[in-house]
Amino acid sequence: MPQIASSIEVRYAKQTHLNYLLFVPPLYGMDAERRWPLILFLHGSGERGNDPELLKAYGMPKVVDAWPECPFIVLSPQCEADSWWTFKLDALNALLDSIIEQYRVDTDRIYLTGLSMGGEGVWNLAMAYPQRFAAIAPICGRSHPSGACLIKDTPVWVFHGAKDDRVPLSESERMVEALRACGANVQFTVYPEAGHDSWTETYNNPVLYEWFLQHKLG
């Protein structure tokens, strides 16, 4: 099933416009009672703008184009050209609420992942809403470790390239160290030869999606 491009005016403290792509599994309409796991994907800085087709260059939108049997609903919002995910946390949460109202989402199996700027967004969104996600997978992102203990009960799998010259490996290392100090369930994969692009290998690995499905809230 092709990804649907759409947009929404999300309302919380203030009104924000978000474009997004939405992938729905091809079997979605076959069982009216079945609820589906959802992956929320946050793109990097290069895909910002007002054209959601740009999102298909990397990450989950690219993956599901080549994986029509994907068993997840995949929600891929687009950040405006002059903004950052860190400033959109409430809007992202409101967008999730809207999709849950419209589609049969298993709210115990909502997963969060993103790359670079989106990896930063993953950390910050998870810490802002620590009871929302069943598992998270930030890729080459950065955040402040002071909030790490807020997500100590959330399974985390962190990915980074050892030769990353855009977001240093140390940014992920300090988040992992802070989580481990809290007793968190965290895995850490470092690709020894990878630079900033540590996401292609990550999203092409079926083990990531198997790992997501091992986790649910409650």
N, C-alpha and C. Protein backbone atom coordinates (compact mmCIF):
# COMPACT_ATOMS: atom_id res chain seq x y z
N MET A 1 0.86 -1.20 0.00
CA MET A 1 0.00 0.00 0.00
C MET A 1 0.89 1.24 0.00
N PRO A 2 0.65 2.21 -0.89
CA PRO A 2 1.50 3.40 -0.94
C PRO A 2 1.32 4.26 0.31
N GLN A 3 2.34 5.05 0.58
CA GLN A 3 2.24 6.00 1.68
C GLN A 3 1.33 7.15 1.28
N ILE A 4 0.51 7.59 2.21
CA ILE A 4 -0.43 8.67 1.99
C ILE A 4 0.20 9.97 2.49
N ALA A 5 0.27 10.96 1.64
CA ALA A 5 0.73 12.28 2.06
C ALA A 5 -0.46 13.09 2.53
N SER A 6 -0.32 13.70 3.70
CA SER A 6 -1.42 14.48 4.24
C SER A 6 -0.86 15.59 5.11
N SER A 7 -1.75 16.38 5.69
CA SER A 7 -1.34 17.44 6.60
C SER A 7 -2.44 17.63 7.63
N ILE A 8 -2.08 18.30 8.72
CA ILE A 8 -3.03 18.47 9.80
C ILE A 8 -2.70 19.75 10.55
N GLU A 9 -3.72 20.40 11.05
CA GLU A 9 -3.55 21.49 12.00
C GLU A 9 -3.74 20.90 13.38
N VAL A 10 -2.66 20.73 14.13
CA VAL A 10 -2.77 20.15 15.47
C VAL A 10 -2.92 21.27 16.49
N ARG A 11 -3.79 21.04 17.43
CA ARG A 11 -4.10 22.06 18.42
C ARG A 11 -3.72 21.55 19.81
N TYR A 12 -2.93 22.34 20.50
CA TYR A 12 -2.60 22.06 21.89
C TYR A 12 -2.52 23.43 22.55
N ALA A 13 -1.38 23.88 23.02
CA ALA A 13 -1.28 25.23 23.57
C ALA A 13 -1.41 26.28 22.47
N LYS A 14 -0.92 25.91 21.27
CA LYS A 14 -1.07 26.78 20.11
C LYS A 14 -1.25 25.89 18.89
N GLN A 15 -1.65 26.48 17.79
CA GLN A 15 -1.94 25.70 16.59
C GLN A 15 -0.69 25.57 15.72
N THR A 16 -0.43 24.36 15.24
CA THR A 16 0.74 24.10 14.41
C THR A 16 0.33 23.24 13.22
N HIS A 17 0.87 23.58 12.06
CA HIS A 17 0.62 22.81 10.85
C HIS A 17 1.73 21.79 10.66
N LEU A 18 1.37 20.54 10.40
CA LEU A 18 2.35 19.49 10.14
C LEU A 18 1.95 18.72 8.89
N ASN A 19 2.87 18.61 7.94
CA ASN A 19 2.72 17.65 6.86
C ASN A 19 3.21 16.30 7.35
N TYR A 20 2.70 15.23 6.76
CA TYR A 20 3.20 13.91 7.15
C TYR A 20 2.90 12.89 6.06
N LEU A 21 3.67 11.81 6.10
CA LEU A 21 3.38 10.61 5.33
C LEU A 21 2.85 9.55 6.28
N LEU A 22 1.90 8.76 5.79
CA LEU A 22 1.33 7.69 6.61
C LEU A 22 1.29 6.42 5.78
N PHE A 23 1.92 5.38 6.31
CA PHE A 23 1.85 4.05 5.71
C PHE A 23 0.93 3.19 6.57
N VAL A 24 -0.01 2.50 5.91
CA VAL A 24 -0.93 1.58 6.59
C VAL A 24 -0.71 0.19 6.01
N PRO A 25 -0.53 -0.84 6.84
CA PRO A 25 -0.27 -2.19 6.33
C PRO A 25 -1.36 -2.66 5.37
N PRO A 26 -1.00 -3.43 4.36
CA PRO A 26 -2.00 -3.87 3.36
C PRO A 26 -3.11 -4.73 3.94
N LEU A 27 -2.87 -5.37 5.06
CA LEU A 27 -3.90 -6.20 5.69
C LEU A 27 -4.77 -5.41 6.67
N TYR A 28 -4.53 -4.12 6.75
CA TYR A 28 -5.23 -3.30 7.76
C TYR A 28 -6.75 -3.45 7.67
N GLY A 29 -7.30 -3.46 6.48
CA GLY A 29 -8.75 -3.48 6.32
C GLY A 29 -9.38 -4.86 6.39
N MET A 30 -8.58 -5.90 6.60
CA MET A 30 -9.09 -7.26 6.55
C MET A 30 -9.76 -7.69 7.85
N ASP A 31 -9.41 -7.05 8.96
CA ASP A 31 -9.94 -7.44 10.26
C ASP A 31 -10.31 -6.17 11.02
N ALA A 32 -11.59 -5.94 11.17
CA ALA A 32 -12.06 -4.69 11.78
C ALA A 32 -11.74 -4.60 13.27
N GLU A 33 -11.37 -5.71 13.89
CA GLU A 33 -11.09 -5.71 15.33
C GLU A 33 -9.60 -5.59 15.64
N ARG A 34 -8.76 -5.86 14.67
CA ARG A 34 -7.32 -5.88 14.93
C ARG A 34 -6.76 -4.49 15.11
N ARG A 35 -5.88 -4.35 16.10
CA ARG A 35 -5.17 -3.09 16.31
C ARG A 35 -3.70 -3.29 15.96
N TRP A 36 -3.10 -2.24 15.40
CA TRP A 36 -1.80 -2.36 14.77
C TRP A 36 -0.73 -1.56 15.52
N PRO A 37 0.49 -2.11 15.60
CA PRO A 37 1.60 -1.34 16.17
C PRO A 37 1.94 -0.17 15.25
N LEU A 38 2.46 0.89 15.84
CA LEU A 38 2.78 2.11 15.08
C LEU A 38 4.21 2.53 15.36
N ILE A 39 4.92 2.90 14.31
CA ILE A 39 6.25 3.51 14.43
C ILE A 39 6.13 4.98 14.07
N LEU A 40 6.54 5.85 14.97
CA LEU A 40 6.67 7.28 14.68
C LEU A 40 8.12 7.55 14.31
N PHE A 41 8.34 8.03 13.08
CA PHE A 41 9.68 8.29 12.57
C PHE A 41 9.92 9.79 12.44
N LEU A 42 11.07 10.24 12.95
CA LEU A 42 11.46 11.65 12.86
C LEU A 42 12.70 11.78 11.96
N HIS A 43 12.56 12.55 10.89
CA HIS A 43 13.62 12.70 9.90
C HIS A 43 14.72 13.64 10.37
N GLY A 44 15.79 13.73 9.58
CA GLY A 44 16.89 14.63 9.87
C GLY A 44 16.69 16.01 9.28
N SER A 45 17.67 16.89 9.49
CA SER A 45 17.52 18.29 9.11
C SER A 45 17.41 18.49 7.61
N GLY A 46 17.98 17.60 6.81
CA GLY A 46 17.96 17.77 5.37
C GLY A 46 16.62 17.58 4.72
N GLU A 47 15.67 16.98 5.43
CA GLU A 47 14.35 16.71 4.86
C GLU A 47 13.28 17.69 5.36
N ARG A 48 13.72 18.74 6.03
CA ARG A 48 12.76 19.76 6.46
C ARG A 48 12.19 20.49 5.25
N GLY A 49 10.99 21.05 5.41
CA GLY A 49 10.41 21.81 4.32
C GLY A 49 8.91 21.65 4.26
N ASN A 50 8.36 21.75 3.04
CA ASN A 50 6.92 21.72 2.84
C ASN A 50 6.53 20.70 1.77
N ASP A 51 7.37 19.69 1.59
CA ASP A 51 7.10 18.65 0.60
C ASP A 51 7.37 17.29 1.24
N PRO A 52 6.33 16.58 1.69
CA PRO A 52 6.55 15.31 2.37
C PRO A 52 7.20 14.24 1.51
N GLU A 53 7.22 14.41 0.19
CA GLU A 53 7.91 13.45 -0.66
C GLU A 53 9.42 13.43 -0.37
N LEU A 54 9.95 14.54 0.17
CA LEU A 54 11.36 14.58 0.54
C LEU A 54 11.70 13.52 1.58
N LEU A 55 10.71 13.13 2.37
CA LEU A 55 10.95 12.20 3.47
C LEU A 55 11.33 10.81 2.98
N LYS A 56 11.04 10.50 1.72
CA LYS A 56 11.30 9.16 1.20
C LYS A 56 12.78 8.93 0.86
N ALA A 57 13.60 9.93 1.09
CA ALA A 57 15.02 9.79 0.78
C ALA A 57 15.73 8.87 1.77
N TYR A 58 15.31 8.89 3.03
CA TYR A 58 16.01 8.16 4.08
C TYR A 58 15.01 7.60 5.09
N GLY A 59 15.49 6.65 5.86
CA GLY A 59 14.73 6.20 7.02
C GLY A 59 13.50 5.39 6.71
N MET A 60 12.53 5.45 7.60
CA MET A 60 11.35 4.59 7.50
C MET A 60 10.53 4.83 6.24
N PRO A 61 10.34 6.08 5.77
CA PRO A 61 9.58 6.24 4.52
C PRO A 61 10.24 5.54 3.33
N LYS A 62 11.56 5.52 3.29
CA LYS A 62 12.27 4.80 2.24
C LYS A 62 12.10 3.29 2.42
N VAL A 63 12.18 2.83 3.67
CA VAL A 63 12.08 1.40 3.96
C VAL A 63 10.72 0.85 3.53
N VAL A 64 9.63 1.53 3.91
CA VAL A 64 8.32 0.96 3.62
C VAL A 64 7.98 1.01 2.14
N ASP A 65 8.62 1.91 1.39
CA ASP A 65 8.43 1.91 -0.07
C ASP A 65 8.90 0.59 -0.68
N ALA A 66 9.93 -0.01 -0.05
CA ALA A 66 10.46 -1.28 -0.55
C ALA A 66 9.99 -2.48 0.27
N TRP A 67 9.12 -2.23 1.23
CA TRP A 67 8.64 -3.29 2.15
C TRP A 67 7.12 -3.17 2.28
N PRO A 68 6.40 -3.52 1.23
CA PRO A 68 4.95 -3.33 1.26
C PRO A 68 4.24 -4.19 2.29
N GLU A 69 4.89 -5.26 2.78
CA GLU A 69 4.26 -6.11 3.79
C GLU A 69 4.58 -5.65 5.21
N CYS A 70 5.15 -4.49 5.35
CA CYS A 70 5.49 -3.96 6.68
C CYS A 70 4.30 -4.08 7.63
N PRO A 71 4.48 -4.68 8.81
CA PRO A 71 3.35 -4.92 9.71
C PRO A 71 3.02 -3.76 10.64
N PHE A 72 3.66 -2.62 10.43
CA PHE A 72 3.45 -1.44 11.27
C PHE A 72 2.69 -0.36 10.50
N ILE A 73 1.85 0.39 11.21
CA ILE A 73 1.49 1.72 10.73
C ILE A 73 2.72 2.60 10.93
N VAL A 74 3.13 3.34 9.91
CA VAL A 74 4.32 4.18 10.01
C VAL A 74 3.93 5.63 9.77
N LEU A 75 4.15 6.45 10.78
CA LEU A 75 3.81 7.87 10.73
C LEU A 75 5.10 8.68 10.64
N SER A 76 5.22 9.47 9.57
CA SER A 76 6.44 10.23 9.32
C SER A 76 6.09 11.70 9.12
N PRO A 77 6.07 12.50 10.17
CA PRO A 77 5.78 13.93 10.01
C PRO A 77 6.97 14.68 9.44
N GLN A 78 6.70 15.89 8.94
CA GLN A 78 7.75 16.72 8.37
C GLN A 78 7.87 18.02 9.15
N CYS A 79 9.08 18.34 9.54
CA CYS A 79 9.37 19.58 10.25
C CYS A 79 9.56 20.72 9.25
N GLU A 80 9.10 21.92 9.61
CA GLU A 80 9.27 23.07 8.73
C GLU A 80 10.75 23.39 8.53
N ALA A 81 11.05 24.10 7.45
CA ALA A 81 12.43 24.37 7.06
C ALA A 81 13.21 25.14 8.12
N ASP A 82 12.53 25.97 8.87
CA ASP A 82 13.23 26.85 9.82
C ASP A 82 13.05 26.40 11.26
N SER A 83 12.73 25.13 11.49
CA SER A 83 12.45 24.70 12.85
C SER A 83 13.19 23.40 13.17
N TRP A 84 12.96 22.91 14.38
CA TRP A 84 13.61 21.70 14.89
C TRP A 84 12.57 20.88 15.63
N TRP A 85 12.77 19.57 15.68
CA TRP A 85 11.81 18.72 16.39
C TRP A 85 11.69 19.08 17.87
N THR A 86 12.78 19.56 18.44
CA THR A 86 12.75 19.91 19.86
C THR A 86 11.69 20.96 20.16
N PHE A 87 11.34 21.78 19.16
CA PHE A 87 10.31 22.80 19.35
C PHE A 87 8.92 22.29 18.98
N LYS A 88 8.81 21.01 18.61
CA LYS A 88 7.55 20.46 18.12
C LYS A 88 7.05 19.31 18.98
N LEU A 89 7.54 19.17 20.19
CA LEU A 89 7.21 17.99 20.99
C LEU A 89 5.72 17.88 21.28
N ASP A 90 5.10 18.98 21.69
CA ASP A 90 3.66 18.94 21.96
C ASP A 90 2.87 18.72 20.68
N ALA A 91 3.34 19.29 19.57
CA ALA A 91 2.65 19.08 18.30
C ALA A 91 2.73 17.63 17.86
N LEU A 92 3.88 17.00 18.05
CA LEU A 92 4.02 15.59 17.71
C LEU A 92 3.12 14.72 18.55
N ASN A 93 3.02 15.04 19.82
CA ASN A 93 2.13 14.28 20.70
C ASN A 93 0.67 14.45 20.26
N ALA A 94 0.30 15.66 19.88
CA ALA A 94 -1.07 15.91 19.42
C ALA A 94 -1.33 15.20 18.09
N LEU A 95 -0.33 15.15 17.21
CA LEU A 95 -0.47 14.41 15.95
C LEU A 95 -0.71 12.93 16.22
N LEU A 96 0.04 12.37 17.14
CA LEU A 96 -0.17 10.97 17.51
C LEU A 96 -1.60 10.75 17.99
N ASP A 97 -2.08 11.64 18.83
CA ASP A 97 -3.46 11.51 19.33
C ASP A 97 -4.45 11.52 18.17
N SER A 98 -4.21 12.38 17.18
CA SER A 98 -5.12 12.47 16.04
C SER A 98 -5.12 11.18 15.23
N ILE A 99 -3.94 10.61 14.99
CA ILE A 99 -3.85 9.37 14.22
C ILE A 99 -4.52 8.22 14.97
N ILE A 100 -4.34 8.19 16.29
CA ILE A 100 -4.98 7.16 17.11
C ILE A 100 -6.50 7.25 17.02
N GLU A 101 -7.02 8.47 16.93
CA GLU A 101 -8.47 8.65 16.80
C GLU A 101 -8.99 8.14 15.46
N GLN A 102 -8.16 8.23 14.42
CA GLN A 102 -8.60 7.89 13.07
C GLN A 102 -8.33 6.45 12.67
N TYR A 103 -7.31 5.84 13.27
CA TYR A 103 -6.87 4.50 12.86
C TYR A 103 -6.84 3.56 14.05
N ARG A 104 -6.84 2.26 13.75
CA ARG A 104 -6.85 1.25 14.81
C ARG A 104 -5.42 0.99 15.26
N VAL A 105 -4.93 1.85 16.12
CA VAL A 105 -3.56 1.77 16.64
C VAL A 105 -3.57 1.04 17.97
N ASP A 106 -2.65 0.12 18.13
CA ASP A 106 -2.44 -0.53 19.43
C ASP A 106 -1.62 0.44 20.28
N THR A 107 -2.26 1.10 21.22
CA THR A 107 -1.57 2.15 21.98
C THR A 107 -0.55 1.59 22.96
N ASP A 108 -0.52 0.28 23.16
CA ASP A 108 0.53 -0.34 23.97
C ASP A 108 1.77 -0.65 23.14
N ARG A 109 1.67 -0.47 21.82
CA ARG A 109 2.80 -0.79 20.94
C ARG A 109 3.08 0.38 19.99
N ILE A 110 3.38 1.53 20.57
CA ILE A 110 3.80 2.70 19.79
C ILE A 110 5.31 2.85 19.99
N TYR A 111 6.04 2.88 18.88
CA TYR A 111 7.50 2.92 18.91
C TYR A 111 7.99 4.23 18.28
N LEU A 112 9.16 4.65 18.69
CA LEU A 112 9.69 5.95 18.28
C LEU A 112 11.13 5.78 17.80
N THR A 113 11.42 6.32 16.62
CA THR A 113 12.78 6.29 16.10
C THR A 113 13.02 7.50 15.21
N GLY A 114 14.28 7.84 15.00
CA GLY A 114 14.63 8.97 14.16
C GLY A 114 16.13 9.08 14.02
N LEU A 115 16.56 9.90 13.06
CA LEU A 115 17.98 9.99 12.75
C LEU A 115 18.47 11.43 12.80
N SER A 116 19.68 11.61 13.32
CA SER A 116 20.34 12.91 13.38
C SER A 116 19.46 13.93 14.12
N MET A 117 18.98 14.97 13.46
CA MET A 117 18.04 15.88 14.13
C MET A 117 16.85 15.11 14.67
N GLY A 118 16.43 14.10 13.94
CA GLY A 118 15.34 13.25 14.40
C GLY A 118 15.73 12.37 15.57
N GLY A 119 17.02 11.99 15.65
CA GLY A 119 17.49 11.25 16.82
C GLY A 119 17.42 12.11 18.07
N GLU A 120 17.79 13.38 17.92
CA GLU A 120 17.62 14.34 19.02
C GLU A 120 16.16 14.45 19.40
N GLY A 121 15.30 14.51 18.38
CA GLY A 121 13.87 14.58 18.65
C GLY A 121 13.36 13.35 19.39
N VAL A 122 13.90 12.19 19.06
CA VAL A 122 13.50 10.96 19.76
C VAL A 122 13.81 11.07 21.24
N TRP A 123 15.03 11.44 21.56
CA TRP A 123 15.39 11.58 22.98
C TRP A 123 14.45 12.55 23.69
N ASN A 124 14.26 13.71 23.09
CA ASN A 124 13.51 14.76 23.78
C ASN A 124 12.01 14.47 23.85
N LEU A 125 11.46 13.86 22.80
CA LEU A 125 10.04 13.51 22.84
C LEU A 125 9.79 12.40 23.85
N ALA A 126 10.66 11.41 23.89
CA ALA A 126 10.50 10.33 24.86
C ALA A 126 10.59 10.84 26.29
N MET A 127 11.49 11.78 26.54
CA MET A 127 11.62 12.31 27.89
C MET A 127 10.47 13.24 28.24
N ALA A 128 9.89 13.89 27.23
CA ALA A 128 8.73 14.75 27.49
C ALA A 128 7.48 13.94 27.77
N TYR A 129 7.38 12.76 27.16
CA TYR A 129 6.20 11.88 27.33
C TYR A 129 6.69 10.46 27.65
N PRO A 130 7.22 10.27 28.86
CA PRO A 130 7.92 9.02 29.18
C PRO A 130 7.03 7.79 29.26
N GLN A 131 5.73 7.95 29.34
CA GLN A 131 4.83 6.79 29.40
C GLN A 131 4.19 6.49 28.06
N ARG A 132 4.61 7.12 27.00
CA ARG A 132 3.91 7.02 25.72
C ARG A 132 4.45 5.89 24.83
N PHE A 133 5.73 5.62 24.87
CA PHE A 133 6.34 4.75 23.88
C PHE A 133 6.77 3.42 24.50
N ALA A 134 6.51 2.34 23.76
CA ALA A 134 6.87 1.01 24.23
C ALA A 134 8.36 0.75 24.08
N ALA A 135 9.02 1.41 23.13
CA ALA A 135 10.46 1.30 22.93
C ALA A 135 10.89 2.43 22.00
N ILE A 136 12.16 2.84 22.11
CA ILE A 136 12.67 3.91 21.26
C ILE A 136 14.03 3.52 20.69
N ALA A 137 14.32 4.05 19.49
CA ALA A 137 15.60 3.78 18.82
C ALA A 137 16.16 5.06 18.22
N PRO A 138 16.90 5.86 19.01
CA PRO A 138 17.52 7.07 18.48
C PRO A 138 18.81 6.74 17.72
N ILE A 139 18.98 7.36 16.56
CA ILE A 139 20.14 7.12 15.71
C ILE A 139 20.92 8.42 15.56
N CYS A 140 22.17 8.38 15.93
CA CYS A 140 23.12 9.52 15.86
C CYS A 140 22.47 10.83 16.30
N GLY A 141 21.79 10.77 17.45
CA GLY A 141 21.15 11.97 18.00
C GLY A 141 21.87 12.44 19.25
N ARG A 142 21.49 13.62 19.70
CA ARG A 142 22.09 14.18 20.91
C ARG A 142 20.99 14.71 21.82
N SER A 143 21.27 14.74 23.11
CA SER A 143 20.36 15.37 24.05
C SER A 143 21.13 15.60 25.34
N HIS A 144 20.42 16.11 26.34
CA HIS A 144 21.10 16.37 27.62
C HIS A 144 20.84 15.20 28.55
N PRO A 145 21.89 14.58 29.09
CA PRO A 145 21.71 13.38 29.91
C PRO A 145 21.00 13.61 31.23
N SER A 146 20.79 14.86 31.61
CA SER A 146 20.13 15.12 32.89
C SER A 146 18.71 14.56 32.93
N GLY A 147 18.09 14.38 31.75
CA GLY A 147 16.72 13.86 31.72
C GLY A 147 16.63 12.37 31.47
N ALA A 148 17.77 11.69 31.39
CA ALA A 148 17.78 10.29 30.98
C ALA A 148 16.96 9.40 31.91
N CYS A 149 16.99 9.67 33.19
CA CYS A 149 16.28 8.80 34.14
C CYS A 149 14.77 8.85 33.97
N LEU A 150 14.27 9.85 33.25
CA LEU A 150 12.83 9.91 32.98
C LEU A 150 12.38 8.73 32.13
N ILE A 151 13.30 8.16 31.34
CA ILE A 151 12.94 7.05 30.45
C ILE A 151 13.65 5.76 30.86
N LYS A 152 14.00 5.64 32.13
CA LYS A 152 14.72 4.45 32.58
C LYS A 152 13.89 3.18 32.44
N ASP A 153 12.57 3.31 32.37
CA ASP A 153 11.70 2.15 32.22
C ASP A 153 11.32 1.87 30.77
N THR A 154 11.83 2.66 29.84
CA THR A 154 11.57 2.47 28.41
C THR A 154 12.74 1.74 27.76
N PRO A 155 12.50 0.61 27.09
CA PRO A 155 13.59 -0.04 26.36
C PRO A 155 14.16 0.89 25.29
N VAL A 156 15.49 0.98 25.24
CA VAL A 156 16.18 1.89 24.33
C VAL A 156 17.27 1.12 23.58
N TRP A 157 17.31 1.34 22.27
CA TRP A 157 18.42 0.81 21.46
C TRP A 157 19.01 1.99 20.70
N VAL A 158 20.26 2.31 21.00
CA VAL A 158 20.94 3.48 20.46
C VAL A 158 21.91 3.03 19.36
N PHE A 159 21.99 3.82 18.28
CA PHE A 159 22.87 3.52 17.15
C PHE A 159 23.71 4.75 16.82
N HIS A 160 24.98 4.50 16.46
CA HIS A 160 25.85 5.62 16.08
C HIS A 160 27.03 5.09 15.28
N GLY A 161 27.55 5.92 14.39
CA GLY A 161 28.75 5.61 13.64
C GLY A 161 29.98 6.12 14.37
N ALA A 162 31.01 5.29 14.47
CA ALA A 162 32.21 5.68 15.20
C ALA A 162 32.94 6.85 14.54
N LYS A 163 32.77 7.01 13.23
CA LYS A 163 33.48 8.07 12.50
C LYS A 163 32.55 9.24 12.14
N ASP A 164 31.49 9.40 12.88
CA ASP A 164 30.53 10.48 12.63
C ASP A 164 31.20 11.83 12.88
N ASP A 165 31.26 12.67 11.85
CA ASP A 165 31.85 14.00 12.00
C ASP A 165 30.80 15.10 12.08
N ARG A 166 29.53 14.72 12.15
CA ARG A 166 28.43 15.69 12.29
C ARG A 166 27.90 15.71 13.72
N VAL A 167 27.60 14.54 14.24
CA VAL A 167 27.19 14.38 15.63
C VAL A 167 28.18 13.40 16.26
N PRO A 168 29.09 13.86 17.10
CA PRO A 168 30.13 12.97 17.62
C PRO A 168 29.54 11.77 18.37
N LEU A 169 30.24 10.65 18.28
CA LEU A 169 29.84 9.44 18.99
C LEU A 169 29.65 9.71 20.48
N SER A 170 30.41 10.63 21.02
CA SER A 170 30.32 10.93 22.46
C SER A 170 28.93 11.38 22.87
N GLU A 171 28.15 11.95 21.93
CA GLU A 171 26.80 12.40 22.28
C GLU A 171 25.91 11.21 22.65
N SER A 172 26.01 10.13 21.89
CA SER A 172 25.25 8.93 22.24
C SER A 172 25.86 8.25 23.46
N GLU A 173 27.18 8.25 23.56
CA GLU A 173 27.84 7.58 24.69
C GLU A 173 27.39 8.15 26.03
N ARG A 174 27.27 9.47 26.09
CA ARG A 174 26.90 10.05 27.39
C ARG A 174 25.44 9.80 27.73
N MET A 175 24.57 9.68 26.72
CA MET A 175 23.19 9.32 27.00
C MET A 175 23.09 7.88 27.48
N VAL A 176 23.85 7.00 26.84
CA VAL A 176 23.85 5.59 27.25
C VAL A 176 24.39 5.45 28.67
N GLU A 177 25.47 6.16 28.97
CA GLU A 177 26.04 6.11 30.31
C GLU A 177 25.04 6.59 31.36
N ALA A 178 24.32 7.66 31.05
CA ALA A 178 23.34 8.18 31.99
C ALA A 178 22.20 7.20 32.20
N LEU A 179 21.75 6.55 31.12
CA LEU A 179 20.69 5.56 31.24
C LEU A 179 21.14 4.37 32.06
N ARG A 180 22.33 3.90 31.81
CA ARG A 180 22.83 2.74 32.56
C ARG A 180 22.99 3.07 34.04
N ALA A 181 23.34 4.31 34.34
CA ALA A 181 23.46 4.72 35.74
C ALA A 181 22.10 4.68 36.44
N CYS A 182 21.03 4.81 35.65
CA CYS A 182 19.66 4.74 36.20
C CYS A 182 19.14 3.31 36.25
N GLY A 183 19.92 2.36 35.76
CA GLY A 183 19.46 0.98 35.70
C GLY A 183 18.54 0.70 34.54
N ALA A 184 18.67 1.48 33.46
CA ALA A 184 17.76 1.35 32.33
C ALA A 184 18.10 0.15 31.45
N ASN A 185 17.10 -0.26 30.67
CA ASN A 185 17.26 -1.33 29.68
C ASN A 185 17.71 -0.67 28.38
N VAL A 186 19.03 -0.67 28.13
CA VAL A 186 19.55 0.04 26.96
C VAL A 186 20.56 -0.83 26.22
N GLN A 187 20.42 -0.87 24.91
CA GLN A 187 21.40 -1.50 24.02
C GLN A 187 22.09 -0.39 23.23
N PHE A 188 23.35 -0.64 22.87
CA PHE A 188 24.14 0.38 22.18
C PHE A 188 24.92 -0.29 21.06
N THR A 189 24.64 0.11 19.82
CA THR A 189 25.35 -0.41 18.66
C THR A 189 26.17 0.70 18.03
N VAL A 190 27.47 0.47 17.94
CA VAL A 190 28.38 1.40 17.27
C VAL A 190 28.92 0.72 16.02
N TYR A 191 28.76 1.37 14.88
CA TYR A 191 29.30 0.86 13.63
C TYR A 191 30.72 1.41 13.46
N PRO A 192 31.75 0.55 13.53
CA PRO A 192 33.13 1.04 13.57
C PRO A 192 33.54 1.87 12.36
N GLU A 193 33.01 1.57 11.19
CA GLU A 193 33.45 2.25 9.97
C GLU A 193 32.44 3.29 9.46
N ALA A 194 31.34 3.44 10.14
CA ALA A 194 30.29 4.35 9.66
C ALA A 194 30.57 5.79 10.07
N GLY A 195 30.21 6.71 9.18
CA GLY A 195 30.25 8.12 9.51
C GLY A 195 28.88 8.55 10.03
N HIS A 196 28.39 9.67 9.49
CA HIS A 196 27.10 10.17 9.98
C HIS A 196 25.95 9.24 9.59
N ASP A 197 26.07 8.59 8.45
CA ASP A 197 25.01 7.68 8.02
C ASP A 197 25.12 6.34 8.76
N SER A 198 24.56 6.33 9.94
CA SER A 198 24.43 5.07 10.68
C SER A 198 23.00 4.56 10.60
N TRP A 199 22.17 5.21 9.79
CA TRP A 199 20.76 4.83 9.73
C TRP A 199 20.46 3.81 8.63
N THR A 200 21.21 3.83 7.53
CA THR A 200 20.90 2.90 6.44
C THR A 200 21.01 1.46 6.92
N GLU A 201 22.12 1.12 7.56
CA GLU A 201 22.30 -0.24 8.06
C GLU A 201 21.28 -0.56 9.15
N THR A 202 20.97 0.42 9.97
CA THR A 202 20.01 0.20 11.06
C THR A 202 18.63 -0.12 10.53
N TYR A 203 18.12 0.71 9.64
CA TYR A 203 16.75 0.51 9.16
C TYR A 203 16.62 -0.64 8.18
N ASN A 204 17.73 -1.10 7.61
CA ASN A 204 17.68 -2.26 6.73
C ASN A 204 17.80 -3.57 7.48
N ASN A 205 17.96 -3.50 8.79
CA ASN A 205 18.14 -4.69 9.62
C ASN A 205 16.80 -5.14 10.19
N PRO A 206 16.29 -6.30 9.78
CA PRO A 206 14.99 -6.76 10.30
C PRO A 206 14.98 -6.99 11.80
N VAL A 207 16.15 -7.15 12.40
CA VAL A 207 16.21 -7.38 13.84
C VAL A 207 15.65 -6.18 14.61
N LEU A 208 15.81 -4.97 14.07
CA LEU A 208 15.26 -3.79 14.74
C LEU A 208 13.76 -3.92 14.91
N TYR A 209 13.07 -4.36 13.88
CA TYR A 209 11.61 -4.44 13.93
C TYR A 209 11.14 -5.60 14.80
N GLU A 210 11.92 -6.67 14.81
CA GLU A 210 11.63 -7.77 15.73
C GLU A 210 11.80 -7.30 17.17
N TRP A 211 12.82 -6.50 17.40
CA TRP A 211 13.06 -5.96 18.74
C TRP A 211 11.92 -5.05 19.18
N PHE A 212 11.48 -4.17 18.29
CA PHE A 212 10.32 -3.33 18.63
C PHE A 212 9.16 -4.19 19.12
N LEU A 213 8.82 -5.20 18.36
CA LEU A 213 7.63 -5.99 18.66
C LEU A 213 7.75 -6.84 19.91
N GLN A 214 8.95 -6.95 20.45
CA GLN A 214 9.12 -7.65 21.73
C GLN A 214 8.63 -6.82 22.90
N HIS A 215 8.37 -5.54 22.65
CA HIS A 215 8.08 -4.62 23.76
C HIS A 215 6.68 -4.02 23.63
N LYS A 216 6.02 -3.91 24.75
CA LYS A 216 4.73 -3.23 24.81
C LYS A 216 4.57 -2.62 26.19
N LEU A 217 3.75 -1.60 26.27
CA LEU A 217 3.50 -0.96 27.55
C LEU A 217 2.73 -1.90 28.47
N GLY A 218 2.80 -1.61 29.74
CA GLY A 218 2.09 -2.46 30.70
C GLY A 218 2.86 -3.71 31.03
